Amino acid sequence: MNGIPLNPRSRALVLGASGGIGSEVARQLREAGWQVRALRRGGAPSPASSSAPGVQATNPALPEAEHIEWIDGDALSRDAVLRAAQGCALIVHAVNPPGYRRWAQVVLPMIDNTLAAAAATGATVVLPGTVYNYGPDTFPVLREDAPQQPLTRKGAIRVELERRMQAASERGVRSIVVRAGDFFGPRVGNSWFAQGLVKAGAPVQVVREPSARGIGHAWSYVPDVARTMLELIARRDTLPAFATFHMAGHWDANGMQLSEAICRVARGHGLEPQRKPFPWTFVRAVSPFVTTLRELMEMRYLWREPLQLDNARLVAELGREPHTPLDEAVEATLMGLGCLGAQERMQKAA
């Protein structure tokens, strides 16, 4: 990856390297010449263990897995994280509980372990941020200095997580937070795109639309997010000790542009999907009995009001924001998720 200078201690630890954002950051770090180490229970993932839901035969993240030093361990174990971080100049904290479950029990202990390891090794911590930290009082345009007054339990946990990072920066632990809209990408199976708008592993027949017409929403293509992180990592020594940046990503101004792009791309592959509203009424009825659906209902406010991220600070630092054209990003995502129906297309996405 041209233009990203290596550090003499160019070893990085990625927590969550088998997930959507973690695997992409790990891949791009490898391409940039970093030695990548990953901590994961069970060590290296098998093809089936890290595929998107419903995707068979190929695992888009697997080609990079063999070039990563996989260490068996748990991000909830401070000793395991400390051991894995030895000799690392960077810790990418991209680990989250799956399906919105157990946030209260595990999110803060995991960041505490990462910060302890960074303090012990001198590593910089990089975090994919969320918009959960903010309530509607900061909408419709979200800037880095906006007050963090969340509406939800998950939002309050994320606020505390970043507060602990900022407090650690006052003790010498450097951190970078890159905040973006809803993630999508060819390796991202746990996402609104893959689990709400389309059905991963099957040709696109229906595209569900969570937003009401006219309600804008921010989306971020994960390879662009990872590229942004790498460019900021290259500048980490010149950034503030606790540096936060927002990405504009793909701004869906009327809430329909992403679904229109999915249909446009699908038609180019011989499919004719229908667009339908997301079944919020059904989700509300079932949510008392299903944890994941209950958590989705808690976040519905993000689909009821427009939310756009201001990237002025990022552009001032980098000169521009890495950005893949929407149809190109959507096509790669649908290929990687197995939603265009041809196995060779998934292989091409990998």
Protein backbone atom coordinates (compact mmCIF):
# COMPACT_ATOMS: atom_id res chain seq x y z
CA MET A 1 0.00 0.00 0.00
CA ASN A 2 1.92 2.99 -1.27
CA GLY A 3 2.30 6.12 0.84
CA ILE A 4 2.00 4.43 4.26
CA PRO A 5 5.45 4.33 5.87
CA LEU A 6 6.34 1.41 8.09
CA ASN A 7 7.31 1.77 11.70
CA PRO A 8 10.45 -0.14 12.78
CA ARG A 9 8.17 -1.95 15.24
CA SER A 10 5.59 -2.75 12.58
CA ARG A 11 3.70 -5.50 14.37
CA ALA A 12 -0.02 -5.07 15.02
CA LEU A 13 -2.44 -6.99 17.23
CA VAL A 14 -5.98 -7.17 15.86
CA LEU A 15 -8.75 -8.10 18.28
CA GLY A 16 -11.77 -9.23 16.29
CA ALA A 17 -9.73 -10.23 13.22
CA SER A 18 -12.29 -12.83 12.16
CA GLY A 19 -15.07 -10.22 12.09
CA GLY A 20 -16.06 -7.82 9.33
CA ILE A 21 -14.07 -4.68 10.17
CA GLY A 22 -11.26 -6.56 11.96
CA SER A 23 -10.57 -8.90 9.04
CA GLU A 24 -10.45 -6.00 6.59
CA VAL A 25 -8.08 -3.94 8.75
CA ALA A 26 -5.88 -7.02 9.21
CA ARG A 27 -5.82 -7.59 5.45
CA GLN A 28 -4.89 -4.02 4.66
CA LEU A 29 -2.24 -3.95 7.39
CA ARG A 30 -0.69 -7.05 5.84
CA GLU A 31 -0.70 -5.41 2.41
CA ALA A 32 1.00 -2.36 3.92
CA GLY A 33 3.82 -4.55 5.25
CA TRP A 34 2.77 -4.95 8.86
CA GLN A 35 3.20 -8.22 10.73
CA VAL A 36 -0.30 -9.02 11.97
CA ARG A 37 -1.12 -10.99 15.08
CA ALA A 38 -4.68 -11.95 16.04
CA LEU A 39 -6.14 -13.13 19.32
CA ARG A 40 -9.08 -15.49 18.98
CA ARG A 41 -10.57 -18.30 21.01
CA GLY A 42 -9.55 -21.46 19.17
CA GLY A 43 -6.80 -19.76 17.17
CA ALA A 44 -7.07 -19.53 13.39
CA PRO A 45 -10.64 -19.66 12.04
CA SER A 46 -11.88 -22.42 9.77
CA PRO A 47 -13.61 -21.50 6.51
CA ALA A 48 -17.03 -22.18 7.99
CA SER A 49 -16.47 -20.30 11.24
CA SER A 50 -16.06 -16.81 9.77
CA SER A 51 -18.25 -16.86 6.68
CA ALA A 52 -21.22 -14.56 6.37
CA PRO A 53 -24.51 -16.24 7.38
CA GLY A 54 -25.68 -18.61 4.66
CA VAL A 55 -22.55 -18.31 2.52
CA GLN A 56 -21.12 -21.68 1.60
CA ALA A 57 -17.87 -23.00 0.12
CA THR A 58 -15.83 -19.80 0.20
CA ASN A 59 -14.73 -17.57 3.05
CA PRO A 60 -13.62 -14.12 1.83
CA ALA A 61 -11.37 -13.59 4.84
CA LEU A 62 -9.55 -16.92 4.63
CA PRO A 63 -6.85 -16.07 2.02
CA GLU A 64 -5.35 -13.58 4.49
CA ALA A 65 -5.74 -15.87 7.51
CA GLU A 66 -2.71 -17.97 6.63
CA HIS A 67 -0.52 -14.85 6.72
CA ILE A 68 -1.64 -13.88 10.23
CA GLU A 69 -0.12 -15.11 13.48
CA TRP A 70 -3.20 -16.52 15.22
CA ILE A 71 -3.01 -16.85 19.00
CA ASP A 72 -5.52 -18.85 21.00
CA GLY A 73 -6.98 -16.58 23.67
CA ASP A 74 -9.89 -14.46 24.80
CA ALA A 75 -10.13 -10.65 24.75
CA LEU A 76 -11.81 -10.97 28.16
CA SER A 77 -8.57 -12.35 29.61
CA ARG A 78 -6.14 -9.57 30.53
CA ASP A 79 -3.21 -11.98 30.65
CA ALA A 80 -4.03 -13.27 27.17
CA VAL A 81 -4.24 -9.76 25.71
CA LEU A 82 -1.02 -8.70 27.43
CA ARG A 83 0.83 -11.72 26.06
CA ALA A 84 -0.53 -11.19 22.55
CA ALA A 85 0.38 -7.49 22.58
CA GLN A 86 4.06 -8.02 23.37
CA GLY A 87 6.19 -6.36 20.69
CA CYS A 88 3.20 -4.68 19.03
CA ALA A 89 3.13 -1.00 18.09
CA LEU A 90 -0.59 -1.10 17.37
CA ILE A 91 -3.72 -2.70 18.84
CA VAL A 92 -6.87 -2.63 16.71
CA HIS A 93 -9.83 -3.04 19.06
CA ALA A 94 -12.46 -4.36 16.65
CA VAL A 95 -14.05 -6.94 18.94
CA ASN A 96 -17.73 -6.78 19.93
CA PRO A 97 -20.26 -9.24 21.36
CA PRO A 98 -22.20 -10.84 18.48
CA GLY A 99 -25.88 -10.14 18.03
CA TYR A 100 -25.91 -7.23 20.52
CA ARG A 101 -25.76 -9.74 23.39
CA ARG A 102 -23.92 -9.34 26.73
CA TRP A 103 -22.74 -5.80 26.05
CA ALA A 104 -23.05 -4.81 29.71
CA GLN A 105 -20.91 -7.76 30.81
CA VAL A 106 -18.09 -7.77 28.29
CA VAL A 107 -17.62 -4.49 26.37
CA LEU A 108 -15.94 -2.48 29.12
CA PRO A 109 -13.75 -5.32 30.49
CA MET A 110 -12.44 -5.90 26.95
CA ILE A 111 -11.44 -2.26 26.42
CA ASP A 112 -9.84 -2.21 29.89
CA ASN A 113 -7.69 -5.18 28.87
CA THR A 114 -6.72 -3.49 25.61
CA LEU A 115 -5.77 -0.26 27.37
CA ALA A 116 -3.73 -2.16 29.96
CA ALA A 117 -1.85 -3.94 27.18
CA ALA A 118 -1.26 -0.67 25.33
CA ALA A 119 0.08 0.93 28.50
CA ALA A 120 2.46 -1.97 29.02
CA THR A 121 3.76 -2.05 25.43
CA GLY A 122 3.50 1.55 24.25
CA ALA A 123 1.08 0.55 21.49
CA THR A 124 -1.47 2.90 19.91
CA VAL A 125 -5.09 1.76 20.17
CA VAL A 126 -7.40 2.08 17.14
CA LEU A 127 -11.15 1.77 17.60
CA PRO A 128 -14.01 1.62 15.07
CA GLY A 129 -16.49 4.03 16.67
CA THR A 130 -20.29 3.94 16.55
CA VAL A 131 -23.01 6.57 16.38
CA TYR A 132 -24.69 4.95 19.39
CA ASN A 133 -22.83 7.46 21.58
CA TYR A 134 -25.12 10.26 20.42
CA GLY A 135 -28.76 11.12 20.89
CA PRO A 136 -31.08 13.09 18.59
CA ASP A 137 -30.04 16.36 20.25
CA THR A 138 -26.92 16.23 18.04
CA PHE A 139 -28.73 15.34 14.78
CA PRO A 140 -28.89 15.82 11.82
CA VAL A 141 -25.15 16.54 11.35
CA LEU A 142 -22.79 14.80 13.76
CA ARG A 143 -19.43 16.41 14.57
CA GLU A 144 -16.63 15.11 16.78
CA ASP A 145 -17.19 17.75 19.47
CA ALA A 146 -20.94 17.12 19.81
CA PRO A 147 -22.09 16.22 23.35
CA GLN A 148 -22.49 12.48 23.88
CA GLN A 149 -25.94 12.05 25.43
CA PRO A 150 -27.10 8.59 24.29
CA LEU A 151 -30.64 7.29 24.48
CA THR A 152 -29.79 3.62 24.88
CA ARG A 153 -27.92 1.26 27.18
CA LYS A 154 -25.50 0.33 24.40
CA GLY A 155 -24.88 3.98 23.72
CA ALA A 156 -24.08 4.65 27.38
CA ILE A 157 -21.61 1.75 27.35
CA ARG A 158 -19.88 3.13 24.24
CA VAL A 159 -19.65 6.58 25.85
CA GLU A 160 -17.98 5.05 28.89
CA LEU A 161 -15.67 3.02 26.64
CA GLU A 162 -14.39 6.17 24.91
CA ARG A 163 -14.20 8.02 28.23
CA ARG A 164 -11.83 5.33 29.48
CA MET A 165 -9.74 5.66 26.31
CA GLN A 166 -9.52 9.42 26.78
CA ALA A 167 -8.57 9.00 30.44
CA ALA A 168 -5.86 6.53 29.41
CA SER A 169 -4.49 9.07 26.92
CA GLU A 170 -3.74 11.35 29.86
CA ARG A 171 -1.54 8.53 31.19
CA GLY A 172 0.34 8.15 27.90
CA VAL A 173 -1.82 5.65 25.98
CA ARG A 174 -2.43 7.02 22.47
CA SER A 175 -5.75 6.24 20.77
CA ILE A 176 -7.50 6.85 17.46
CA VAL A 177 -11.28 6.58 17.08
CA VAL A 178 -12.73 6.41 13.55
CA ARG A 179 -16.50 6.82 13.67
CA ALA A 180 -18.64 5.88 10.69
CA GLY A 181 -22.19 5.00 9.72
CA ASP A 182 -23.63 1.50 9.35
CA PHE A 183 -20.98 -0.86 7.99
CA PHE A 184 -21.34 -2.92 4.83
CA GLY A 185 -18.83 -4.87 2.78
CA PRO A 186 -18.01 -8.27 1.24
CA ARG A 187 -16.69 -9.64 4.55
CA VAL A 188 -19.36 -8.15 6.84
CA GLY A 189 -22.01 -10.74 7.68
CA ASN A 190 -23.13 -9.20 10.98
CA SER A 191 -24.64 -5.97 9.66
CA TRP A 192 -27.87 -4.23 8.76
CA PHE A 193 -27.01 -4.68 5.09
CA ALA A 194 -26.50 -8.46 5.34
CA GLN A 195 -29.22 -9.24 7.86
CA GLY A 196 -31.80 -6.50 7.36
CA LEU A 197 -31.77 -5.23 3.79
CA VAL A 198 -30.93 -8.52 2.05
CA LYS A 199 -30.55 -12.17 2.99
CA ALA A 200 -26.93 -13.29 2.88
CA GLY A 201 -26.23 -16.51 1.01
CA ALA A 202 -29.18 -16.25 -1.38
CA PRO A 203 -29.78 -14.33 -4.61
CA VAL A 204 -31.44 -10.98 -3.93
CA GLN A 205 -35.21 -11.32 -4.20
CA VAL A 206 -36.39 -8.71 -1.71
CA VAL A 207 -34.68 -5.55 -0.43
CA ARG A 208 -36.04 -4.36 2.92
CA GLU A 209 -35.95 -0.63 3.67
CA PRO A 210 -35.60 0.29 7.39
CA SER A 211 -35.89 4.06 6.85
CA ALA A 212 -39.07 5.93 6.05
CA ARG A 213 -38.89 7.73 2.72
CA GLY A 214 -37.09 11.04 3.10
CA ILE A 215 -35.15 10.05 6.24
CA GLY A 216 -31.43 10.12 5.42
CA HIS A 217 -28.99 7.55 6.77
CA ALA A 218 -25.19 7.20 6.84
CA TRP A 219 -23.52 4.04 5.50
CA SER A 220 -19.82 3.16 5.40
CA TYR A 221 -18.07 0.71 3.11
CA VAL A 222 -15.69 -1.25 5.33
CA PRO A 223 -12.67 -1.28 2.96
CA ASP A 224 -12.88 2.54 2.95
CA VAL A 225 -13.05 2.61 6.75
CA ALA A 226 -10.00 0.34 7.00
CA ARG A 227 -8.07 2.45 4.50
CA THR A 228 -8.89 5.57 6.51
CA MET A 229 -7.63 3.87 9.66
CA LEU A 230 -4.35 2.91 8.00
CA GLU A 231 -3.73 6.42 6.75
CA LEU A 232 -4.35 7.80 10.25
CA ILE A 233 -2.15 5.09 11.77
CA ALA A 234 0.67 6.28 9.53
CA ARG A 235 0.28 9.74 11.14
CA ARG A 236 -0.31 8.52 14.68
CA ASP A 237 2.76 10.19 16.16
CA THR A 238 1.56 13.63 15.00
CA LEU A 239 -2.07 13.24 16.09
CA PRO A 240 -3.47 14.25 19.49
CA ALA A 241 -3.08 11.57 22.15
CA PHE A 242 -6.83 10.92 21.93
CA ALA A 243 -7.83 11.59 18.32
CA THR A 244 -11.37 11.18 16.96
CA PHE A 245 -12.43 11.42 13.33
CA HIS A 246 -15.78 11.08 11.58
CA MET A 247 -16.25 9.59 8.12
CA ALA A 248 -18.99 10.84 5.81
CA GLY A 249 -19.09 7.47 4.04
CA HIS A 250 -22.10 7.01 1.76
CA TRP A 251 -24.82 9.48 2.68
CA ASP A 252 -28.23 8.11 1.69
CA ALA A 253 -30.04 11.44 1.54
CA ASN A 254 -33.61 10.13 1.23
CA GLY A 255 -33.23 6.68 2.84
CA MET A 256 -33.84 4.92 -0.47
CA GLN A 257 -30.58 5.35 -2.37
CA LEU A 258 -28.84 2.26 -0.97
CA SER A 259 -31.79 -0.01 -1.72
CA GLU A 260 -32.00 1.51 -5.21
CA ALA A 261 -28.31 0.73 -5.72
CA ILE A 262 -28.83 -2.88 -4.59
CA CYS A 263 -31.66 -3.28 -7.10
CA ARG A 264 -29.64 -1.61 -9.84
CA VAL A 265 -26.67 -3.92 -9.29
CA ALA A 266 -28.89 -7.00 -8.96
CA ARG A 267 -30.64 -6.21 -12.25
CA GLY A 268 -27.22 -6.06 -13.90
CA HIS A 269 -26.80 -9.69 -12.82
CA GLY A 270 -30.16 -10.84 -14.15
CA LEU A 271 -32.13 -10.54 -10.91
CA GLU A 272 -35.34 -8.55 -10.33
CA PRO A 273 -35.64 -7.86 -6.60
CA GLN A 274 -38.63 -6.18 -5.00
CA ARG A 275 -38.36 -3.32 -2.51
CA LYS A 276 -40.43 -3.61 0.66
CA PRO A 277 -40.56 -1.78 4.00
CA PHE A 278 -38.67 -3.37 6.86
CA PRO A 279 -41.19 -5.26 9.09
CA TRP A 280 -40.87 -3.08 12.19
CA THR A 281 -44.35 -4.04 13.42
CA PHE A 282 -43.44 -7.73 13.42
CA VAL A 283 -40.08 -7.03 15.06
CA ARG A 284 -41.79 -5.06 17.82
CA ALA A 285 -44.27 -7.90 18.45
CA VAL A 286 -41.58 -10.57 18.66
CA SER A 287 -38.84 -8.51 20.36
CA PRO A 288 -39.86 -9.39 23.97
CA PHE A 289 -38.92 -12.99 23.18
CA VAL A 290 -35.81 -12.52 20.99
CA THR A 291 -32.78 -10.70 22.39
CA THR A 292 -31.39 -9.51 19.06
CA LEU A 293 -34.75 -8.12 17.92
CA ARG A 294 -35.23 -6.39 21.25
CA GLU A 295 -31.88 -4.68 20.81
CA LEU A 296 -32.79 -3.69 17.24
CA MET A 297 -35.93 -1.99 18.49
CA GLU A 298 -33.85 0.00 20.95
CA MET A 299 -31.85 1.40 18.04
CA ARG A 300 -34.83 2.25 15.84
CA TYR A 301 -34.43 5.98 16.57
CA LEU A 302 -31.44 5.93 14.20
CA TRP A 303 -33.86 5.15 11.35
CA ARG A 304 -36.49 7.71 12.30
CA GLU A 305 -34.34 10.83 12.06
CA PRO A 306 -31.68 11.80 9.52
CA LEU A 307 -28.11 11.37 10.74
CA GLN A 308 -25.10 12.51 8.72
CA LEU A 309 -21.46 12.53 9.84
CA ASP A 310 -19.32 15.61 9.21
CA ASN A 311 -15.87 14.60 7.92
CA ALA A 312 -14.27 18.08 7.88
CA ARG A 313 -11.68 17.14 10.51
CA LEU A 314 -10.71 13.99 8.61
CA VAL A 315 -10.41 15.84 5.29
CA ALA A 316 -8.29 18.52 6.96
CA GLU A 317 -5.93 15.80 8.19
CA LEU A 318 -5.76 13.53 5.12
CA GLY A 319 -6.72 15.89 2.30
CA ARG A 320 -9.71 13.68 1.34
CA GLU A 321 -11.68 10.70 2.57
CA PRO A 322 -11.09 7.28 0.97
CA HIS A 323 -14.28 6.58 -0.95
CA THR A 324 -15.43 3.76 -3.24
CA PRO A 325 -18.29 4.60 -5.65
CA LEU A 326 -21.61 3.32 -4.32
CA ASP A 327 -22.51 0.80 -7.06
CA GLU A 328 -18.98 -0.64 -6.99
CA ALA A 329 -19.14 -1.02 -3.21
CA VAL A 330 -22.62 -2.57 -3.34
CA GLU A 331 -21.63 -5.04 -6.07
CA ALA A 332 -18.56 -6.20 -4.14
CA THR A 333 -20.68 -6.57 -1.01
CA LEU A 334 -23.40 -8.59 -2.73
CA MET A 335 -20.76 -10.81 -4.34
CA GLY A 336 -19.02 -11.43 -1.04
CA LEU A 337 -22.30 -12.22 0.72
CA GLY A 338 -23.36 -14.69 -1.98
CA CYS A 339 -26.34 -12.56 -3.02
CA LEU A 340 -25.75 -12.57 -6.78
CA GLY A 341 -26.16 -16.31 -7.11
CA ALA A 342 -22.88 -17.35 -8.75
CA GLN A 343 -20.04 -19.01 -6.85
CA GLU A 344 -17.39 -17.55 -9.16
CA ARG A 345 -18.63 -14.07 -8.30
CA MET A 346 -17.99 -14.67 -4.61
CA GLN A 347 -14.50 -15.88 -5.50
CA LYS A 348 -13.95 -12.73 -7.55
CA ALA A 349 -14.96 -10.60 -4.56
CA ALA A 350 -12.39 -12.41 -2.42
